[in-house]
Each structure stands twice: as structure tokens, then as C-alpha cells.
Protein backbone atom coordinates (compact mmCIF):
# COMPACT_ATOMS: atom_id res chain seq x y z
CA MET A 1 113.00 20.83 33.72
CA ASP A 2 111.27 19.10 36.62
CA GLU A 3 108.32 19.77 38.93
CA LYS A 4 110.39 21.99 41.24
CA ASP A 5 111.31 24.20 38.27
CA TYR A 6 107.66 24.67 37.41
CA GLU A 7 106.80 25.48 41.03
CA LEU A 8 109.62 28.03 41.03
CA LEU A 9 108.35 29.66 37.83
CA LEU A 10 104.79 29.94 39.13
CA ASP A 11 105.86 31.30 42.50
CA LEU A 12 108.12 33.92 40.93
CA ASN A 13 105.31 34.88 38.59
CA GLU A 14 103.12 35.49 41.66
CA THR A 15 105.60 37.23 43.98
CA LYS A 16 107.83 39.00 41.41
CA ASN A 17 110.46 38.75 44.14
CA ILE A 18 113.32 36.26 44.56
CA THR A 19 113.60 36.85 48.32
CA LYS A 20 109.91 36.09 48.92
CA THR A 21 110.01 33.02 46.69
CA ALA A 22 113.16 31.76 48.43
CA SER A 23 111.36 32.01 51.78
CA ARG A 24 108.21 30.30 50.53
CA LEU A 25 110.04 27.43 48.82
CA TYR A 26 112.70 27.05 51.54
CA MET A 27 115.52 27.76 49.11
CA THR A 28 118.44 30.18 49.12
CA GLN A 29 118.52 33.10 46.72
CA PRO A 30 121.71 31.84 45.00
CA ALA A 31 120.03 28.45 44.48
CA ILE A 32 117.04 30.12 42.83
CA THR A 33 119.30 32.22 40.60
CA LYS A 34 121.20 29.09 39.58
CA ARG A 35 117.98 27.21 38.70
CA ILE A 36 116.75 30.14 36.63
CA GLN A 37 120.03 30.20 34.71
CA LYS A 38 119.81 26.45 34.13
CA MET A 39 116.24 26.74 32.81
CA GLU A 40 117.22 29.60 30.52
CA GLU A 41 120.11 27.57 29.15
CA GLU A 42 117.87 24.56 28.60
CA LEU A 43 115.18 26.63 26.82
CA SER A 44 117.68 28.90 25.03
CA CYS A 45 115.83 32.05 26.04
CA GLN A 46 115.69 34.62 28.83
CA LEU A 47 112.80 34.06 31.23
CA PHE A 48 113.17 36.96 33.68
CA LEU A 49 114.40 40.53 33.77
CA ARG A 50 115.70 41.98 37.02
CA SER A 51 114.46 45.39 38.17
CA LYS A 52 114.74 47.50 41.33
CA LYS A 53 111.36 46.18 42.43
CA GLY A 54 112.11 42.50 41.75
CA VAL A 55 111.88 40.30 38.68
CA ILE A 56 109.69 40.61 35.60
CA LEU A 57 108.73 37.82 33.23
CA THR A 58 109.87 38.24 29.64
CA PRO A 59 107.38 37.42 26.87
CA SER A 60 109.06 33.99 26.60
CA GLY A 61 108.62 33.52 30.34
CA GLU A 62 104.97 34.53 30.20
CA SER A 63 104.33 32.07 27.37
CA ILE A 64 105.30 29.02 29.42
CA ILE A 65 103.30 29.87 32.57
CA PRO A 66 100.07 28.17 31.33
CA TYR A 67 102.05 25.04 30.48
CA ALA A 68 103.75 25.03 33.89
CA THR A 69 100.36 25.35 35.60
CA ASP A 70 98.92 22.47 33.57
CA ILE A 71 101.94 20.22 34.13
CA LEU A 72 101.83 20.74 37.91
CA LEU A 73 98.09 20.06 38.02
CA LYS A 74 98.45 16.80 36.09
CA SER A 75 101.45 15.76 38.16
CA ARG A 76 99.49 16.22 41.39
CA LEU A 77 96.52 14.34 39.99
CA LEU A 78 98.80 11.50 38.89
CA LYS A 79 100.19 11.15 42.42
CA GLU A 80 96.72 11.31 43.95
CA GLN A 81 95.36 8.68 41.56
CA VAL A 82 98.21 6.31 42.42
CA LEU A 83 97.46 6.71 46.12
CA ALA A 84 93.73 6.33 45.48
CA SER A 85 94.32 2.95 43.84
CA GLN A 86 95.56 1.52 47.14
CA ASN A 87 93.23 -0.30 49.51
CA LYS A 88 93.19 2.40 52.18
CA VAL A 89 91.98 6.00 52.04
CA CYS A 90 95.11 8.15 51.98
CA GLY A 91 96.66 10.91 49.90
CA THR A 92 96.50 14.66 50.51
CA LEU A 93 93.52 16.90 51.19
CA ARG A 94 94.51 20.51 50.45
CA LEU A 95 91.72 22.50 52.09
CA GLY A 96 91.08 26.23 52.27
CA SER A 97 88.45 27.44 54.73
CA SER A 98 87.03 30.85 55.57
CA LEU A 99 87.89 32.19 59.00
CA ASN A 100 84.39 31.94 60.48
CA PHE A 101 83.77 28.41 59.24
CA SER A 102 87.26 27.38 60.43
CA HIS A 103 86.55 28.71 63.91
CA TYR A 104 82.97 27.58 64.48
CA ARG A 105 82.34 24.48 62.34
CA LEU A 106 85.50 22.96 60.87
CA PRO A 107 87.16 21.52 64.03
CA ALA A 108 84.27 19.12 64.77
CA ILE A 109 84.12 18.01 61.12
CA LEU A 110 87.87 17.43 60.96
CA LYS A 111 87.82 15.50 64.23
CA ARG A 112 85.41 12.95 62.78
CA TYR A 113 87.09 12.89 59.38
CA THR A 114 90.65 12.36 60.66
CA SER A 115 89.45 9.72 63.13
CA ASN A 116 87.88 7.76 60.27
CA TYR A 117 90.72 8.34 57.79
CA PRO A 118 93.96 8.80 59.75
CA ASP A 119 96.18 8.15 56.71
CA VAL A 120 94.99 11.26 54.87
CA ASP A 121 97.43 14.18 55.01
CA VAL A 122 95.17 17.19 55.71
CA GLN A 123 96.74 20.53 54.78
CA ILE A 124 94.62 23.50 55.87
CA THR A 125 94.81 27.15 54.86
CA THR A 126 92.48 29.60 56.60
CA GLY A 127 91.83 33.15 55.46
CA GLN A 128 89.45 35.58 53.85
CA SER A 129 87.17 34.00 51.23
CA LYS A 130 88.48 36.23 48.44
CA GLN A 131 92.06 35.14 49.13
CA LEU A 132 91.06 31.46 49.21
CA PHE A 133 89.16 31.77 45.93
CA GLN A 134 92.32 33.10 44.29
CA MET A 135 94.27 30.15 45.72
CA LEU A 136 91.68 27.75 44.32
CA ASN A 137 92.02 29.30 40.88
CA ARG A 138 95.82 28.90 41.11
CA ASP A 139 95.33 25.25 42.10
CA GLU A 140 97.07 25.78 45.43
CA ILE A 141 94.17 24.12 47.26
CA SER A 142 91.79 21.31 46.23
CA ILE A 143 88.69 22.51 48.10
CA ALA A 144 87.63 25.99 49.18
CA ILE A 145 84.94 26.62 51.80
CA LEU A 146 83.85 30.18 51.14
CA ARG A 147 81.37 32.65 52.57
CA GLY A 148 79.30 34.43 49.93
CA HIS A 149 79.10 33.87 46.18
CA TYR A 150 81.99 33.55 43.73
CA PRO A 151 82.01 32.97 39.93
CA TRP A 152 83.14 29.35 39.69
CA GLU A 153 82.49 27.17 36.63
CA GLU A 154 83.31 23.79 38.17
CA ALA A 155 81.74 21.90 41.09
CA SER A 156 79.95 23.90 43.78
CA LEU A 157 77.95 22.79 46.79
CA LEU A 158 75.82 24.93 49.11
CA ILE A 159 76.47 23.66 52.64
CA SER A 160 74.67 26.26 54.76
CA THR A 161 72.49 29.35 54.67
CA GLU A 162 72.16 31.29 57.90
CA PRO A 163 70.52 34.53 59.01
CA MET A 164 72.39 37.77 59.49
CA CYS A 165 71.37 39.10 62.88
CA PHE A 166 71.02 42.34 64.80
CA VAL A 167 72.73 41.91 68.17
CA CYS A 168 72.92 44.09 71.25
CA SER A 169 73.08 43.68 75.02
CA MET A 170 69.81 42.98 76.85
CA GLU A 171 70.02 46.40 78.51
CA ASN A 172 69.98 48.05 75.06
CA LYS A 173 67.26 45.87 73.58
CA ASP A 174 64.57 48.55 73.34
CA ARG A 175 66.76 51.58 72.62
CA PRO A 176 66.45 53.30 69.22
CA LEU A 177 69.47 52.35 67.13
CA THR A 178 70.28 55.98 66.51
CA ASP A 179 70.71 56.57 70.26
CA TYR A 180 73.82 54.48 70.73
CA SER A 181 76.90 53.32 68.83
CA TYR A 182 77.03 51.07 65.79
CA ILE A 183 80.03 48.72 65.79
CA GLY A 184 81.27 48.00 62.29
CA ARG A 185 83.14 44.83 61.28
CA HIS A 186 85.69 44.48 58.52
CA THR A 187 84.43 41.78 56.15
CA ASP A 188 84.28 41.06 52.42
CA SER A 189 82.98 43.72 50.04
CA ASN A 190 79.86 41.77 49.07
CA LEU A 191 78.59 41.45 52.63
CA THR A 192 79.57 45.05 53.40
CA SER A 193 77.41 46.21 50.46
CA ARG A 194 74.45 44.13 51.63
CA ILE A 195 74.75 45.50 55.18
CA GLN A 196 74.79 49.01 53.77
CA ALA A 197 71.71 48.22 51.68
CA TRP A 198 69.87 46.91 54.75
CA MET A 199 70.80 50.02 56.73
CA SER A 200 69.69 52.27 53.89
CA GLU A 201 66.31 50.51 53.66
CA HIS A 202 65.83 51.01 57.39
CA HIS A 203 66.88 54.68 57.27
CA LEU A 204 70.14 54.05 59.12
CA ASN A 205 72.48 54.92 56.26
CA GLN A 206 73.64 58.14 57.95
CA ILE A 207 75.03 56.19 60.91
CA ARG A 208 78.80 55.80 60.93
CA PRO A 209 80.51 53.13 63.05
CA SER A 210 82.07 54.38 66.25
CA LEU A 211 84.36 51.35 66.19
CA TRP A 212 85.75 49.20 63.36
CA ILE A 213 86.64 45.67 64.47
CA ASP A 214 88.41 42.89 62.53
CA ASN A 215 87.68 39.99 64.87
CA ILE A 216 84.12 38.70 65.16
CA ASP A 217 84.54 37.54 68.76
CA THR A 218 85.81 40.98 69.74
CA CYS A 219 82.65 42.47 68.20
CA LYS A 220 80.53 40.17 70.37
CA GLU A 221 82.38 41.19 73.52
CA MET A 222 81.99 44.88 72.71
CA VAL A 223 78.25 44.34 72.26
CA ARG A 224 78.02 42.13 75.37
CA TYR A 225 79.37 45.02 77.46
CA GLY A 226 76.81 47.42 76.02
CA LEU A 227 79.24 49.46 73.93
CA GLY A 228 77.01 49.37 70.86
CA TRP A 229 75.03 47.22 68.44
CA CYS A 230 76.30 45.15 65.55
CA ILE A 231 75.23 42.95 62.61
CA LEU A 232 76.68 39.44 62.83
CA PRO A 233 76.06 36.02 61.22
CA ARG A 234 74.15 33.41 63.22
CA ILE A 235 77.14 31.00 63.01
CA CYS A 236 78.99 32.91 65.75
CA LEU A 237 76.12 33.51 68.17
CA GLU A 238 75.55 30.16 69.91
CA ASP A 239 77.26 31.37 73.08
CA PHE A 240 75.99 34.96 72.94
CA ASP A 241 73.75 35.86 75.90
CA GLY A 242 72.48 39.21 74.62
CA TYR A 243 69.57 40.11 72.35
CA ILE A 244 69.51 38.51 68.87
CA GLU A 245 67.08 39.27 66.04
CA ASP A 246 67.12 37.85 62.49
CA LEU A 247 67.20 40.56 59.84
CA TYR A 248 65.00 41.01 56.76
CA MET A 249 65.21 43.27 53.77
CA ASP A 250 62.44 45.80 53.19
CA ASP A 251 60.56 43.45 50.83
CA GLY A 252 60.48 40.69 53.46
CA THR A 253 63.38 38.71 52.03
CA PRO A 254 65.53 37.18 54.79
CA PHE A 255 68.99 38.73 55.02
CA VAL A 256 71.12 35.58 54.89
CA ARG A 257 74.75 34.56 54.51
CA SER A 258 75.60 31.46 52.46
CA THR A 259 78.55 29.11 52.69
CA HIS A 260 79.65 27.16 49.62
CA VAL A 261 82.31 24.57 49.01
CA LEU A 262 84.01 24.91 45.61
CA TYR A 263 86.31 22.32 44.08
CA ARG A 264 87.65 21.04 40.79
CA GLU A 265 85.65 18.12 39.41
CA ASP A 266 88.79 16.03 38.86
CA TYR A 267 89.71 16.34 42.53
CA GLY A 268 86.16 15.48 43.56
CA LYS A 269 86.70 11.96 42.19
CA LEU A 270 89.51 11.26 44.66
CA PRO A 271 88.38 9.20 47.68
CA GLN A 272 89.84 11.49 50.33
CA VAL A 273 88.13 14.49 48.73
CA SER A 274 84.75 12.85 48.09
CA LEU A 275 84.67 11.53 51.66
CA PHE A 276 85.41 14.98 53.04
CA LEU A 277 82.58 16.39 50.92
CA GLU A 278 80.32 13.74 52.45
CA ALA A 279 81.44 14.87 55.90
CA LEU A 280 80.55 18.47 55.03
CA ASN A 281 77.14 17.37 53.74
CA SER A 282 76.50 15.37 56.90
CA ASP A 283 77.38 18.38 59.06
CA ALA A 284 75.09 20.61 56.96
CA GLY A 285 72.23 18.16 57.57
CA ASN A 286 72.75 18.37 61.32
CA ASN A 287 72.64 22.20 61.47
């Protein structure tokens, strides 16, 4: 068995579907079936059972997943260490970044980083923080820049803390909040709960959003045109020309949103990773 076999096992364990795995690994379905048969012959056991919904790992298949994960991790570290021993900064930076950070902060940081270290292969995944945290746990990315707090036992660095803000158009600045529409935004469950707590403390818990918006910039435009008020993080409001007010909880505690970078300590020793962490720290110091 080689590294591609282990990647195939882990991907099938995640997708439970040969078609999806074939698409993700750029393989044909017959090629995947053939590799599975070869692995089963080599290990003298059945690894998967086919069902109407896809494939299911047998107990024997489940037993080798931790080993496959460990082998792939060590193989990647071996390759990175070999590259790190060269005189120039190179290798791969597998980065996952939350959508807001990717949109408002990451481009400037990457511009400086890639200009200084052009030989580094930067692979970026953007998405919801919960999704990226799962990818970090599966070792699909080396670094995760996440909004909010996540239970992580390895290296963690706080890179920013910003206010959550009440925003509305200037024409609506002095209107009671119960007199016009609240625009809700789809976000992670932790922040949603904290917004609900703030609204409850300020006797606004009976208000239901008239609009639910996924995109933060769309929320701003709705507010800019006076269609309602919203609660947004300060990170997205530099170009907003309406009314902005930092929020506080009832006990006076600022209502803030934190951004952390999480990474495995072994990866943090690699030059391309440690230098990117320095770039993040430098950006945090300038904001």
C-alpha cells in the first residue's frame, strides 16, 4: 500500500461514496474499485461493504483508519522537513480561513507574504469556521483562521478581538428598534446564541427578522438603503457610511468577536508556517 491508497481510504471513510471520492481524487470509479480490491488482497480482508447509499467500512476497514491518518501525517511532515532543510523558504502552506477574514484581511497579508516568499505553494480553503475546524482535525489543512472559540488542544493564537456593532442608516439613527425591521444574518451557532442573548437583555427577544441574509455585504447594503437594522462585526464596516455603535452586554461587558489561528505544533516548526504566523501577528499589531 502507498500514500495514494491511504488517501483513498480516508476519503471513502468521509464520503461513503465512490462517485464523490472519484471526483475529489480525480480518479475513475473503476480505478477506485480496482485499488480497493488490490488493498483487500494485500491485507487478506474485506475493507468495504457496498450498499444502496454507498460504501460502508467493515470492522477491519475501520481498524486501519487511525493508522492511515498517522501515516499520511508523517509522510507530509517528512516532505516538508526535507524542503525546509534547503536554503530557501519553500514547501506548502495549507491554509483554511473564515469567510470574513478571507474577504477583509487575508488578501493584504498574502500579498506581503507571497512577495517575500514566492517559492511557497500557498493552498487556500475558505469557508465557515466550523467546517474549517473539522478539516484541521482531519489534517487537511495546516493552519485554520477561525472566528469564535473552538476546543483545540494544540497551538492557538489570538490575532484579533473586535466589537460587534449595531448598524443602521443615518435616517434611522434615532428610531426605536421595534419600529422598523431587524435584518438577520446566517452565521455560526455560537455567535447566533450571543446575539440572541444581547437582544434578550435589551428586551428585543420578541423581534423576528424580516429578512435572513447569508452574505455580510448584502446585509450592509440592505441597511444602507434603510430597509432595517442589523448586528455586524467591526471587521466589515470600514466602508460603511451609516450609523455604527459598539454593543455591550447588560453588565457592561463589550460584545466582541474573536479571531484565532489554530495549528498543529509540528507544522508550526516549519519555516513557511512560522513565517506566515509572523505575518498574521504583524497584521494584528497594525489593527
